[in-house]
N, C-alpha and C. Protein backbone atom coordinates (compact mmCIF):
# COMPACT_ATOMS: atom_id res chain seq x y z
N VAL A 1 50.25 203.67 71.04
CA VAL A 1 51.30 202.97 70.13
C VAL A 1 52.78 202.74 70.37
N VAL A 2 52.89 201.90 69.84
CA VAL A 2 54.40 202.11 70.86
C VAL A 2 55.18 201.06 69.41
N THR A 3 56.03 202.73 68.82
CA THR A 3 57.53 202.92 67.66
C THR A 3 58.35 202.57 68.25
N VAL A 4 59.49 202.16 69.11
CA VAL A 4 61.17 202.16 69.92
C VAL A 4 60.57 200.76 70.19
N VAL A 5 61.29 200.13 70.30
CA VAL A 5 61.56 199.10 71.52
C VAL A 5 62.57 198.62 71.72
N ASP A 6 64.06 199.51 72.71
CA ASP A 6 65.05 199.61 73.25
C ASP A 6 65.73 198.89 72.97
N ALA A 7 65.35 197.34 74.39
CA ALA A 7 65.88 196.05 74.22
C ALA A 7 64.68 194.92 74.07
N PRO A 8 64.74 193.72 74.13
CA PRO A 8 64.25 192.20 74.54
C PRO A 8 63.28 192.46 75.38
N GLU A 9 63.44 193.32 76.37
CA GLU A 9 62.90 193.25 77.75
C GLU A 9 61.63 193.98 78.02
N ASP A 10 62.09 195.45 76.50
CA ASP A 10 61.02 196.58 76.69
C ASP A 10 59.34 195.50 75.82
N SER A 11 60.21 194.61 74.94
CA SER A 11 59.19 193.48 74.20
C SER A 11 58.71 193.03 75.13
N ILE A 12 58.66 191.49 75.82
CA ILE A 12 58.29 191.77 77.17
C ILE A 12 57.59 192.11 78.27
N GLY A 13 57.67 193.51 78.55
CA GLY A 13 56.62 194.11 79.04
C GLY A 13 55.89 194.14 78.34
N LEU A 14 55.96 194.98 76.82
CA LEU A 14 54.66 195.08 76.45
C LEU A 14 54.10 193.93 75.94
N ALA A 15 54.52 193.33 76.38
CA ALA A 15 53.55 191.19 75.75
C ALA A 15 53.27 191.53 77.02
N ARG A 16 53.60 191.84 77.94
CA ARG A 16 52.23 191.30 79.07
C ARG A 16 51.01 192.32 79.27
N ALA A 17 51.47 193.15 78.89
CA ALA A 17 50.47 194.77 78.83
C ALA A 17 49.78 194.50 77.75
N LEU A 18 49.88 194.03 76.79
CA LEU A 18 48.60 192.75 75.36
C LEU A 18 47.49 192.43 75.94
N THR A 19 48.48 191.31 76.77
CA THR A 19 47.99 189.98 77.40
C THR A 19 47.51 190.74 78.35
N ASP A 20 47.01 191.97 79.29
CA ASP A 20 46.59 191.82 80.61
C ASP A 20 45.31 192.45 79.84
N VAL A 21 46.12 193.83 78.82
CA VAL A 21 44.75 194.01 78.73
C VAL A 21 43.63 193.34 77.17
N ALA A 22 44.20 192.42 77.07
CA ALA A 22 43.19 191.52 75.91
C ALA A 22 42.31 190.89 77.36
N SER A 23 42.54 191.14 78.47
CA SER A 23 41.75 189.33 79.48
C SER A 23 41.06 190.13 79.99
N GLU A 24 41.27 191.58 80.21
CA GLU A 24 39.59 192.28 80.34
C GLU A 24 38.58 192.76 80.30
N PRO A 25 38.03 192.22 80.36
CA PRO A 25 35.92 191.37 80.01
C PRO A 25 35.10 192.84 79.79
N PHE A 26 34.41 193.34 78.91
CA PHE A 26 34.12 193.94 77.97
C PHE A 26 33.15 193.59 77.60
N THR A 27 31.40 195.24 77.44
CA THR A 27 30.14 194.70 77.14
C THR A 27 29.09 194.66 75.66
N VAL A 28 28.81 193.83 74.85
CA VAL A 28 28.47 194.04 74.19
C VAL A 28 27.04 194.00 74.09
N THR A 29 26.28 195.01 73.23
CA THR A 29 24.75 195.03 73.07
C THR A 29 24.65 193.62 71.84
N GLY A 30 23.75 192.44 71.98
CA GLY A 30 23.03 191.02 71.38
C GLY A 30 22.56 192.24 70.24
N PRO A 31 21.63 190.91 70.04
CA PRO A 31 20.76 191.52 68.93
C PRO A 31 19.58 190.94 69.92
N GLU A 32 18.98 191.12 70.93
CA GLU A 32 18.11 191.33 71.53
C GLU A 32 18.07 192.53 72.58
N HIS A 33 19.05 193.34 72.63
CA HIS A 33 18.89 194.27 73.27
C HIS A 33 20.07 194.28 74.56
N GLU A 34 20.22 192.75 74.70
CA GLU A 34 20.33 192.30 76.35
C GLU A 34 22.24 192.91 76.08
N ARG A 35 22.69 193.12 77.83
CA ARG A 35 24.25 193.31 77.89
C ARG A 35 25.06 192.55 78.15
N VAL A 36 25.72 191.41 77.09
CA VAL A 36 26.61 190.45 77.63
C VAL A 36 27.92 191.02 77.44
N GLU A 37 28.84 190.38 78.56
CA GLU A 37 29.94 189.81 78.96
C GLU A 37 31.07 189.31 77.89
N VAL A 38 31.76 189.75 77.51
CA VAL A 38 32.68 189.24 76.49
C VAL A 38 33.97 188.48 77.25
N PHE A 39 34.36 187.66 77.43
CA PHE A 39 36.39 187.71 77.43
C PHE A 39 36.85 187.35 76.62
N LEU A 40 38.40 187.75 75.96
CA LEU A 40 38.98 187.12 75.63
C LEU A 40 40.43 186.82 75.76
N SER A 41 41.12 186.90 75.51
CA SER A 41 42.64 186.36 76.00
C SER A 41 43.67 185.90 74.39
N GLY A 42 44.64 186.14 74.47
CA GLY A 42 45.17 186.45 73.50
C GLY A 42 47.41 186.26 74.02
N THR A 43 47.47 185.52 72.65
CA THR A 43 48.43 184.77 72.72
C THR A 43 49.88 185.77 71.89
N VAL A 44 51.28 186.47 72.50
CA VAL A 44 52.09 186.53 72.43
C VAL A 44 53.69 185.80 71.33
N GLY A 45 54.13 186.50 70.54
CA GLY A 45 55.01 186.37 69.97
C GLY A 45 55.79 186.88 69.66
N ILE A 46 57.38 186.61 70.27
CA ILE A 46 57.78 188.16 70.15
C ILE A 46 59.51 187.26 69.83
N ALA A 47 60.43 188.77 68.63
CA ALA A 47 61.69 188.55 67.95
C ALA A 47 61.82 189.17 67.82
N VAL A 48 63.67 189.10 67.85
CA VAL A 48 64.52 190.00 67.99
C VAL A 48 65.04 189.95 66.90
N ALA A 49 65.28 190.96 66.11
CA ALA A 49 65.75 191.80 64.55
C ALA A 49 67.62 190.89 64.87
N GLY A 50 68.03 190.04 64.32
CA GLY A 50 69.34 189.93 63.80
C GLY A 50 69.70 190.69 63.28
N PRO A 51 71.22 190.72 62.58
CA PRO A 51 71.75 191.20 61.58
C PRO A 51 71.12 191.02 60.29
N THR A 52 71.03 189.65 59.59
CA THR A 52 70.67 189.01 58.77
C THR A 52 69.11 189.28 59.04
N ASP A 53 68.69 189.15 59.67
CA ASP A 53 66.97 189.42 59.61
C ASP A 53 66.37 190.06 58.81
N ASP A 54 65.13 189.64 57.08
CA ASP A 54 64.68 191.08 56.76
C ASP A 54 63.24 190.78 57.57
N ALA A 55 62.20 191.43 57.39
CA ALA A 55 61.00 191.64 57.93
C ALA A 55 60.38 190.94 57.14
N SER A 56 61.03 189.36 56.11
CA SER A 56 59.64 188.08 55.92
C SER A 56 60.44 187.65 57.75
N SER A 57 61.22 187.42 57.58
CA SER A 57 62.10 186.36 58.56
C SER A 57 61.78 186.55 60.11
N LEU A 58 61.55 187.75 60.25
CA LEU A 58 61.18 188.28 61.74
C LEU A 58 59.62 187.77 61.82
N LEU A 59 58.96 189.07 60.67
CA LEU A 59 57.49 188.30 60.98
C LEU A 59 57.40 186.42 61.19
N HIS A 60 58.03 186.02 60.67
CA HIS A 60 58.26 183.74 60.54
C HIS A 60 58.69 183.64 62.31
N HIS A 61 59.39 184.38 61.99
CA HIS A 61 60.47 183.78 63.78
C HIS A 61 59.21 183.96 65.36
N ALA A 62 58.47 185.21 65.03
CA ALA A 62 57.69 185.90 65.91
C ALA A 62 56.31 184.55 65.59
N ASP A 63 56.10 184.81 64.11
CA ASP A 63 54.51 183.47 64.55
C ASP A 63 55.28 182.36 64.83
N ALA A 64 56.56 181.79 64.54
CA ALA A 64 56.91 180.55 65.33
C ALA A 64 56.67 180.52 66.91
N ALA A 65 56.81 181.69 67.67
CA ALA A 65 56.75 182.12 69.52
C ALA A 65 56.04 181.75 69.76
N MET A 66 55.00 182.79 68.74
CA MET A 66 53.23 182.71 69.20
C MET A 66 53.18 181.16 69.39
N TYR A 67 53.27 180.54 67.84
CA TYR A 67 53.17 179.12 68.37
C TYR A 67 53.23 178.35 69.57
N ARG A 68 54.20 178.48 70.39
CA ARG A 68 54.31 177.97 71.65
C ARG A 68 54.09 178.22 72.49
N ALA A 69 53.91 179.95 72.32
CA ALA A 69 52.85 180.20 73.33
C ALA A 69 51.26 179.92 73.81
N LYS A 70 50.87 179.62 72.69
CA LYS A 70 49.71 178.88 72.42
C LYS A 70 50.03 177.58 73.23
N GLU A 71 51.03 177.47 73.17
CA GLU A 71 50.98 175.74 73.58
C GLU A 71 51.23 176.36 75.37
N ARG A 72 51.84 177.11 75.45
CA ARG A 72 51.50 177.19 77.27
C ARG A 72 49.95 177.69 77.79
N GLY A 73 49.59 178.27 77.24
CA GLY A 73 47.88 178.23 76.75
C GLY A 73 47.54 180.10 76.74
N PRO A 74 46.31 180.70 77.43
CA PRO A 74 46.12 182.21 76.65
C PRO A 74 46.75 183.16 77.76
N GLY A 75 46.62 184.02 76.96
CA GLY A 75 47.91 185.05 78.10
C GLY A 75 49.31 184.47 78.58
N SER A 76 49.62 184.61 77.37
CA SER A 76 51.31 183.87 77.06
C SER A 76 51.93 184.70 76.40
N TRP A 77 53.69 184.27 76.60
CA TRP A 77 54.11 184.84 75.81
C TRP A 77 55.27 184.54 75.61
N GLU A 78 55.69 184.73 74.24
CA GLU A 78 57.56 183.92 74.05
C GLU A 78 58.31 184.05 73.37
N VAL A 79 59.96 184.81 73.93
CA VAL A 79 60.49 184.97 73.28
C VAL A 79 60.96 184.21 71.73
N TYR A 80 61.50 184.30 70.39
CA TYR A 80 61.98 183.18 69.26
C TYR A 80 63.65 183.40 69.92
N ASP A 81 63.43 181.66 70.00
CA ASP A 81 65.18 181.39 69.96
C ASP A 81 66.10 180.25 69.38
N ASP A 82 66.87 179.86 69.37
CA ASP A 82 67.67 178.83 68.42
C ASP A 82 66.83 177.61 68.56
N GLY A 83 65.98 177.55 69.47
CA GLY A 83 65.18 175.91 69.26
C GLY A 83 64.06 176.13 68.63
N MET A 84 63.59 177.45 68.52
CA MET A 84 62.65 177.23 68.06
C MET A 84 63.05 177.99 66.88
N ARG A 85 64.28 178.41 65.97
CA ARG A 85 64.72 177.99 64.79
C ARG A 85 64.78 177.07 64.58
N GLN A 86 65.18 175.87 65.62
CA GLN A 86 64.84 174.62 64.65
C GLN A 86 63.89 173.84 64.59
N ALA A 87 62.61 174.29 65.23
CA ALA A 87 61.83 173.98 65.52
C ALA A 87 60.87 174.09 63.94
N SER A 88 61.14 175.41 63.76
CA SER A 88 60.64 176.34 62.58
C SER A 88 61.42 175.27 61.04
N ARG A 89 62.22 174.84 61.31
CA ARG A 89 63.00 174.58 59.61
C ARG A 89 62.36 173.52 59.31
N HIS A 90 61.75 172.55 61.06
CA HIS A 90 61.58 171.19 61.03
C HIS A 90 59.67 171.48 60.21
N ARG A 91 59.32 172.36 60.85
CA ARG A 91 57.91 172.65 60.23
C ARG A 91 58.06 172.91 59.08
N LEU A 92 58.55 173.68 58.78
CA LEU A 92 58.93 173.40 56.78
C LEU A 92 59.13 173.36 56.65
N THR A 93 60.31 172.39 56.20
CA THR A 93 61.17 171.49 55.56
C THR A 93 59.26 170.59 55.66
N LEU A 94 58.48 170.03 57.13
CA LEU A 94 57.43 168.68 57.17
C LEU A 94 56.14 170.00 55.79
N GLU A 95 55.92 170.83 56.08
CA GLU A 95 55.61 170.78 54.94
C GLU A 95 55.27 171.24 53.97
N SER A 96 56.63 171.77 53.44
CA SER A 96 57.14 171.26 52.31
C SER A 96 56.70 169.61 51.72
N ASP A 97 57.14 168.73 52.54
CA ASP A 97 56.98 167.29 52.07
C ASP A 97 55.65 167.01 51.96
N LEU A 98 54.89 167.55 52.65
CA LEU A 98 53.13 166.90 53.25
C LEU A 98 52.53 167.95 51.39
N ILE A 99 53.32 168.91 51.22
CA ILE A 99 52.35 169.00 50.23
C ILE A 99 52.87 168.39 48.76
N ARG A 100 54.74 168.75 49.01
CA ARG A 100 55.00 167.21 47.86
C ARG A 100 54.08 165.78 47.77
N ALA A 101 53.62 165.34 49.44
CA ALA A 101 53.54 164.40 49.30
C ALA A 101 51.36 164.29 48.85
N LEU A 102 51.32 165.03 48.98
CA LEU A 102 49.78 165.45 48.92
C LEU A 102 49.57 165.31 47.07
N ASP A 103 50.28 165.81 46.89
CA ASP A 103 50.97 166.17 45.25
C ASP A 103 50.79 164.68 44.05
N GLU A 104 51.39 163.71 44.87
CA GLU A 104 52.15 162.56 44.63
C GLU A 104 51.17 161.55 44.79
N GLU A 105 50.05 161.51 45.97
CA GLU A 105 49.70 160.98 46.67
C GLU A 105 50.30 160.44 47.38
N ALA A 106 51.00 160.05 47.58
CA ALA A 106 51.82 159.53 48.48
C ALA A 106 51.40 158.60 50.26
N PHE A 107 50.58 158.88 50.37
CA PHE A 107 49.32 158.19 51.19
C PHE A 107 49.46 157.16 51.45
N GLU A 108 49.05 156.28 51.83
CA GLU A 108 47.97 154.85 52.29
C GLU A 108 47.12 154.55 53.07
N LEU A 109 46.41 154.21 52.40
CA LEU A 109 45.26 154.14 54.27
C LEU A 109 44.76 152.68 54.48
N HIS A 110 45.10 152.15 55.96
CA HIS A 110 45.07 150.86 56.26
C HIS A 110 44.21 150.40 56.92
N TYR A 111 43.58 149.51 56.43
CA TYR A 111 42.17 149.15 56.88
C TYR A 111 42.41 148.34 58.64
N GLN A 112 41.98 148.73 59.46
CA GLN A 112 42.03 148.14 60.63
C GLN A 112 40.80 147.26 60.66
N PRO A 113 40.67 146.05 61.25
CA PRO A 113 39.03 145.18 61.19
C PRO A 113 38.76 146.02 62.30
N ILE A 114 37.02 145.81 62.49
CA ILE A 114 36.53 146.38 64.18
C ILE A 114 35.77 143.93 63.98
N VAL A 115 35.81 143.89 65.53
CA VAL A 115 35.55 142.72 65.42
C VAL A 115 34.27 142.83 67.25
N ASP A 116 33.15 142.14 67.42
CA ASP A 116 31.93 141.77 67.69
C ASP A 116 32.80 140.77 68.48
N LEU A 117 33.33 141.67 70.03
CA LEU A 117 32.72 140.33 71.09
C LEU A 117 32.33 139.07 71.02
N ALA A 118 31.22 139.32 70.63
CA ALA A 118 30.36 138.85 71.33
C ALA A 118 30.32 137.51 69.62
N THR A 119 30.38 137.87 69.00
CA THR A 119 30.81 136.51 67.66
C THR A 119 31.92 136.51 67.34
N SER A 120 33.11 137.36 67.60
CA SER A 120 34.18 137.38 67.84
C SER A 120 34.95 137.47 65.66
N GLN A 121 33.76 137.81 65.23
CA GLN A 121 33.78 138.29 63.51
C GLN A 121 33.94 139.69 63.17
N THR A 122 34.79 139.82 62.32
CA THR A 122 34.86 141.00 62.34
C THR A 122 33.29 141.90 61.86
N SER A 123 32.88 142.93 62.05
CA SER A 123 32.04 143.50 61.34
C SER A 123 32.22 144.81 60.86
N ALA A 124 33.08 145.08 61.36
CA ALA A 124 33.64 146.71 59.58
C ALA A 124 35.49 146.24 60.01
N PHE A 125 35.32 148.20 58.85
CA PHE A 125 36.74 148.48 59.58
C PHE A 125 37.23 149.83 59.48
N GLU A 126 37.97 149.87 60.19
CA GLU A 126 38.39 151.34 60.25
C GLU A 126 39.36 151.91 58.96
N ALA A 127 39.51 152.85 58.16
CA ALA A 127 40.37 153.69 57.23
C ALA A 127 41.34 154.92 58.54
N LEU A 128 42.40 153.98 58.24
CA LEU A 128 44.23 154.42 58.77
C LEU A 128 44.51 155.13 57.92
N THR A 129 44.54 156.60 58.33
CA THR A 129 45.80 157.11 57.41
C THR A 129 47.49 156.90 57.71
N ARG A 130 48.37 156.69 56.79
CA ARG A 130 49.55 156.72 56.77
C ARG A 130 50.76 157.33 56.05
N TRP A 131 51.48 158.03 55.85
CA TRP A 131 52.54 158.70 55.37
C TRP A 131 53.91 157.60 55.95
N THR A 132 54.62 157.30 54.51
CA THR A 132 55.62 156.78 54.94
C THR A 132 56.92 158.27 54.20
N HIS A 133 57.27 158.79 55.11
CA HIS A 133 58.22 160.05 53.83
C HIS A 133 59.68 159.58 53.49
N PRO A 134 59.95 159.90 52.55
CA PRO A 134 61.07 159.19 51.77
C PRO A 134 62.98 158.93 51.72
N VAL A 135 62.73 159.67 52.94
CA VAL A 135 64.10 159.93 54.14
C VAL A 135 64.17 159.32 55.53
N ARG A 136 62.37 160.17 55.96
CA ARG A 136 62.89 159.62 57.31
C ARG A 136 61.73 158.17 57.76
N GLY A 137 61.45 157.68 57.20
CA GLY A 137 60.28 156.83 56.66
C GLY A 137 58.65 157.09 56.73
N LYS A 138 58.27 156.03 57.82
CA LYS A 138 57.07 155.79 58.56
C LYS A 138 56.47 157.53 59.90
N VAL A 139 55.84 158.26 59.15
CA VAL A 139 55.47 159.78 60.61
C VAL A 139 54.48 159.54 60.50
N PRO A 140 54.25 159.52 62.15
CA PRO A 140 52.79 159.41 62.38
C PRO A 140 51.94 160.49 62.76
N PRO A 141 50.97 159.90 62.33
CA PRO A 141 49.75 161.16 61.98
C PRO A 141 49.78 161.60 63.46
N MET A 142 49.55 162.53 64.32
CA MET A 142 49.62 163.12 65.35
C MET A 142 50.84 163.99 65.39
N GLU A 143 52.24 163.49 64.48
CA GLU A 143 52.63 164.31 63.92
C GLU A 143 52.27 165.19 62.61
N PHE A 144 51.74 164.34 61.53
CA PHE A 144 51.67 165.48 59.36
C PHE A 144 50.51 166.02 60.31
N ILE A 145 48.69 164.91 60.73
CA ILE A 145 47.49 165.26 61.13
C ILE A 145 47.83 166.95 61.21
N PRO A 146 48.34 167.42 62.73
CA PRO A 146 47.44 168.80 63.13
C PRO A 146 48.23 169.77 61.35
N VAL A 147 49.17 169.62 61.10
CA VAL A 147 50.35 170.54 60.12
C VAL A 147 49.45 170.42 59.12
N LEU A 148 48.74 169.80 58.24
CA LEU A 148 47.47 169.31 57.35
C LEU A 148 46.36 169.77 57.24
N GLU A 149 45.69 170.36 59.55
CA GLU A 149 44.95 170.77 59.56
C GLU A 149 45.17 172.70 59.70
N GLU A 150 46.35 172.90 60.39
CA GLU A 150 46.42 174.41 60.10
C GLU A 150 47.24 175.06 58.77
N THR A 151 47.43 173.89 57.92
CA THR A 151 48.07 174.32 56.28
C THR A 151 46.20 174.56 55.85
N GLY A 152 45.76 173.68 55.81
CA GLY A 152 44.35 173.27 55.28
C GLY A 152 44.47 171.89 54.51
N GLY A 153 45.62 171.38 54.48
CA GLY A 153 45.29 170.25 53.34
C GLY A 153 45.44 169.35 53.31
N ILE A 154 44.20 169.32 55.00
CA ILE A 154 42.90 167.94 55.32
C ILE A 154 41.81 167.92 54.07
N HIS A 155 41.95 169.30 53.89
CA HIS A 155 40.91 169.06 52.49
C HIS A 155 40.96 168.26 51.59
N ARG A 156 42.23 168.49 51.47
CA ARG A 156 43.12 167.79 50.12
C ARG A 156 42.72 166.49 50.81
N LEU A 157 44.28 166.32 51.71
CA LEU A 157 43.63 164.87 51.76
C LEU A 157 42.00 164.40 52.41
N GLY A 158 41.90 164.45 52.93
CA GLY A 158 40.18 164.66 53.47
C GLY A 158 39.37 163.43 52.10
N ARG A 159 39.61 164.32 51.01
CA ARG A 159 39.34 164.06 49.77
C ARG A 159 39.66 162.96 48.82
N TRP A 160 41.09 162.41 49.36
CA TRP A 160 41.72 161.50 48.17
C TRP A 160 41.52 160.40 49.44
N VAL A 161 41.36 160.78 50.90
CA VAL A 161 40.60 159.48 52.04
C VAL A 161 39.62 158.77 51.45
N LEU A 162 38.35 160.03 51.24
CA LEU A 162 37.06 159.14 50.67
C LEU A 162 37.27 158.58 49.36
N GLU A 163 37.27 159.36 48.74
CA GLU A 163 37.51 158.47 47.25
C GLU A 163 38.77 157.42 47.31
N ALA A 164 39.69 157.15 47.70
CA ALA A 164 40.35 155.73 48.30
C ALA A 164 39.55 154.89 48.45
N ALA A 165 39.32 155.04 50.35
CA ALA A 165 37.36 154.36 50.58
C ALA A 165 37.15 153.78 49.42
N CYS A 166 36.53 154.51 49.27
CA CYS A 166 35.37 154.26 48.20
C CYS A 166 35.63 153.35 47.09
N HIS A 167 36.97 152.93 46.71
CA HIS A 167 36.90 152.20 45.44
C HIS A 167 37.01 150.66 46.02
N GLN A 168 37.66 151.41 47.55
CA GLN A 168 38.48 150.48 48.37
C GLN A 168 37.03 149.02 48.77
N LEU A 169 36.10 149.38 49.25
CA LEU A 169 34.26 149.26 49.36
C LEU A 169 34.02 149.05 48.05
N LEU A 170 34.26 149.61 46.65
CA LEU A 170 33.89 148.45 45.40
C LEU A 170 34.53 147.76 45.26
N SER A 171 35.66 147.36 45.58
CA SER A 171 36.43 145.90 45.32
C SER A 171 35.83 145.36 46.31
N TRP A 172 36.14 145.57 47.73
CA TRP A 172 35.59 144.04 48.69
C TRP A 172 33.81 144.06 48.07
N ARG A 173 33.47 144.78 47.75
CA ARG A 173 31.74 144.86 47.04
C ARG A 173 31.92 143.36 45.57
N GLU A 174 33.16 143.54 44.76
CA GLU A 174 33.16 142.84 43.40
C GLU A 174 33.52 141.61 43.96
N THR A 175 34.00 141.73 45.43
CA THR A 175 35.38 140.30 44.90
C THR A 175 34.62 139.76 46.32
N VAL A 176 34.03 139.90 47.35
CA VAL A 176 33.40 139.56 48.17
C VAL A 176 32.23 138.85 48.20
N GLY A 177 31.42 139.90 47.28
CA GLY A 177 29.99 140.23 47.00
C GLY A 177 28.78 140.37 48.34
N ALA A 178 28.97 141.15 48.61
CA ALA A 178 28.79 141.14 50.40
C ALA A 178 29.10 143.40 50.27
N THR A 179 27.93 143.92 51.06
CA THR A 179 28.89 145.60 51.51
C THR A 179 29.30 144.81 52.77
N VAL A 180 30.24 145.99 52.90
CA VAL A 180 31.47 145.44 54.53
C VAL A 180 31.66 147.43 54.88
N ASN A 181 30.75 147.21 55.82
CA ASN A 181 31.13 148.95 56.59
C ASN A 181 32.71 148.91 56.77
N LEU A 182 31.79 151.02 56.58
CA LEU A 182 33.87 151.17 56.63
C LEU A 182 33.73 152.62 57.54
N SER A 183 34.21 152.87 58.51
CA SER A 183 34.81 153.71 59.31
C SER A 183 35.30 154.47 58.59
N LEU A 184 35.59 155.92 58.43
CA LEU A 184 36.59 156.83 58.57
C LEU A 184 36.86 158.71 59.58
N ASN A 185 37.83 159.21 59.75
CA ASN A 185 38.11 159.91 60.28
C ASN A 185 38.11 161.86 59.55
N LEU A 186 36.76 161.61 60.35
CA LEU A 186 37.58 162.88 60.16
C LEU A 186 37.66 164.34 60.77
N SER A 187 38.80 165.42 60.14
CA SER A 187 38.68 166.55 61.06
C SER A 187 37.80 167.16 61.20
N PRO A 188 38.17 167.96 62.64
CA PRO A 188 36.73 168.93 62.37
C PRO A 188 36.43 169.96 61.34
N GLN A 189 37.89 169.68 61.26
CA GLN A 189 38.26 171.15 59.98
C GLN A 189 37.36 171.39 59.13
N GLN A 190 37.41 169.98 58.44
CA GLN A 190 36.29 169.02 57.22
C GLN A 190 35.16 169.55 57.37
N LEU A 191 34.24 169.19 59.48
CA LEU A 191 33.27 168.71 59.29
C LEU A 191 32.73 170.51 59.09
N SER A 192 33.07 171.21 59.56
CA SER A 192 32.67 173.27 59.09
C SER A 192 33.00 173.12 57.63
N HIS A 193 33.35 172.20 56.85
CA HIS A 193 34.08 173.10 54.96
C HIS A 193 32.68 172.08 54.37
N ASP A 194 32.34 173.35 53.36
CA ASP A 194 31.47 173.19 52.92
C ASP A 194 31.75 172.07 51.58
N GLU A 195 32.98 171.63 51.11
CA GLU A 195 33.35 170.89 50.49
C GLU A 195 32.85 169.57 50.69
N LEU A 196 32.90 169.31 51.82
CA LEU A 196 32.48 167.69 52.52
C LEU A 196 31.37 166.79 51.88
N ALA A 197 29.91 168.02 52.03
CA ALA A 197 28.54 167.21 51.80
C ALA A 197 29.03 167.09 50.42
N ALA A 198 29.35 168.00 49.29
CA ALA A 198 29.62 167.53 48.28
C ALA A 198 30.33 166.72 47.58
N ALA A 199 31.59 166.47 48.38
CA ALA A 199 32.73 165.40 48.57
C ALA A 199 30.95 163.53 48.60
C-alpha cells in the first residue's frame, strides 16, 4: 500500500512496478479442475495535483492520462500534461454536444448506393450516419462514433438509425412499389446488447 508520493518520479516508479506485477502470469482452476495460466496487462494514468485541483478533477486527469496510455498499448503509463488538458476539454465538449445531438435527433442518414458491377444496376443501399455540428460543421464518424461507443450513447444512436432507416424503406416501397435492400452498420457494443433483438 502506498500512502505518500513525494514527487512525480515516485508515481512513475510506482506505475512501472504495478504494470510489471500485473503482467506476471498466474494460474487458476477451471470448471473441470484443470489449471489454466492467465495473462493480464494494465495501463496507468498519472495525475499530479495542482493548487486548484480537487479530487474530481484529479481523477478526471488521471483518466485522461490512462486513455493516452491505452493508445500506446498494454503495460504503458502516461503522466497528465497540458496537451491532455486541451484534449480532455475537447473530449468533454464533444461528449456534451453528442448528448444534445442525441436528444435533438440531429443526426442524418445518407444512403450510399451499392452497384452490381455485372449489370451496372443499383442493387442495394448502405445507410451511413452523418453529423453536422452547429459550430464545427461536419464531424467525421471516426471522431464521434468512438466517443458514443465509450459513453454508451451508441445504443441511442443505433435505435434512431434503425427507426429512421425503416421509415425510409417504407417510403421507398410506397414510392417505387418494390422492396429495396438496405445495409446498416452496427457497433460491436450493439451486437452484445440485449436491446438489439428487441428493436
